[in-house]
Amino acid sequence: MDLNMVLRIAGIGIFVGVLVTLLNESGKREIAQLVTVAGVVLVLFTVIQGISQLFTLVKSVFQLY
């Protein structure tokens, strides 16, 4: 996992946190919950891409397949 991925995940978390706080303060709790779910999905996709790159690296190092 490189630093770029960590910073991307942190940036998504900060952005989603600020947006959820603003939406909760304005009384739009349902939209805030949807933003939270969207943030989790974005982070999940980022982590899955990282795991895919890791498996590709392991496969090339051990010359599998």
Protein backbone atom coordinates (compact mmCIF):
# COMPACT_ATOMS: atom_id res chain seq x y z
CA MET A 1 0.00 0.00 0.00
CA ASP A 2 1.54 3.25 -1.06
CA LEU A 3 1.16 6.67 0.48
CA ASN A 4 -1.09 7.83 -2.36
CA MET A 5 -3.78 5.31 -1.41
CA VAL A 6 -3.61 6.24 2.26
CA LEU A 7 -3.95 9.94 1.44
CA ARG A 8 -6.85 9.23 -0.94
CA ILE A 9 -8.72 7.28 1.75
CA ALA A 10 -8.01 10.00 4.33
CA GLY A 11 -9.21 12.69 1.92
CA ILE A 12 -12.44 10.82 1.24
CA GLY A 13 -12.97 10.38 4.97
CA ILE A 14 -12.41 14.06 5.77
CA PHE A 15 -14.62 15.20 2.88
CA VAL A 16 -17.44 12.83 3.82
CA GLY A 17 -17.16 13.78 7.50
CA VAL A 18 -17.45 17.50 6.79
CA LEU A 19 -20.30 16.98 4.34
CA VAL A 20 -22.22 14.74 6.76
CA THR A 21 -21.79 17.28 9.55
CA LEU A 22 -23.11 20.07 7.34
CA LEU A 23 -26.07 17.98 6.21
CA ASN A 24 -26.92 16.91 9.76
CA GLU A 25 -26.85 20.52 10.96
CA SER A 26 -29.21 21.55 8.17
CA GLY A 27 -31.64 18.77 9.10
CA LYS A 28 -31.08 16.53 6.10
CA ARG A 29 -30.23 13.35 7.95
CA GLU A 30 -31.36 10.96 5.21
CA ILE A 31 -29.06 12.56 2.65
CA ALA A 32 -26.24 12.56 5.21
CA GLN A 33 -26.69 8.83 5.65
CA LEU A 34 -26.57 8.30 1.87
CA VAL A 35 -23.36 10.36 1.68
CA THR A 36 -21.86 8.17 4.41
CA VAL A 37 -22.75 5.01 2.50
CA ALA A 38 -21.32 6.48 -0.72
CA GLY A 39 -18.09 7.31 1.10
CA VAL A 40 -17.80 3.78 2.45
CA VAL A 41 -18.35 2.37 -1.06
CA LEU A 42 -15.65 4.65 -2.51
CA VAL A 43 -13.16 3.60 0.16
CA LEU A 44 -14.10 -0.05 -0.38
CA PHE A 45 -13.40 0.25 -4.12
CA THR A 46 -10.05 1.89 -3.37
CA VAL A 47 -9.09 -0.92 -0.99
CA ILE A 48 -10.19 -3.58 -3.49
CA GLN A 49 -7.99 -1.98 -6.17
CA GLY A 50 -5.06 -2.05 -3.76
CA ILE A 51 -5.64 -5.72 -2.93
CA SER A 52 -5.84 -6.50 -6.64
CA GLN A 53 -2.49 -4.81 -7.22
CA LEU A 54 -1.03 -6.74 -4.29
CA PHE A 55 -2.19 -10.08 -5.71
CA THR A 56 -0.76 -9.16 -9.11
CA LEU A 57 2.57 -8.33 -7.48
CA VAL A 58 2.64 -11.58 -5.51
CA LYS A 59 1.76 -13.54 -8.64
CA SER A 60 4.60 -11.93 -10.59
CA VAL A 61 7.14 -12.35 -7.77
CA PHE A 62 6.46 -16.07 -7.36
CA GLN A 63 5.84 -16.54 -11.12
CA LEU A 64 2.47 -18.15 -10.62
CA TYR A 65 0.31 -18.98 -13.65
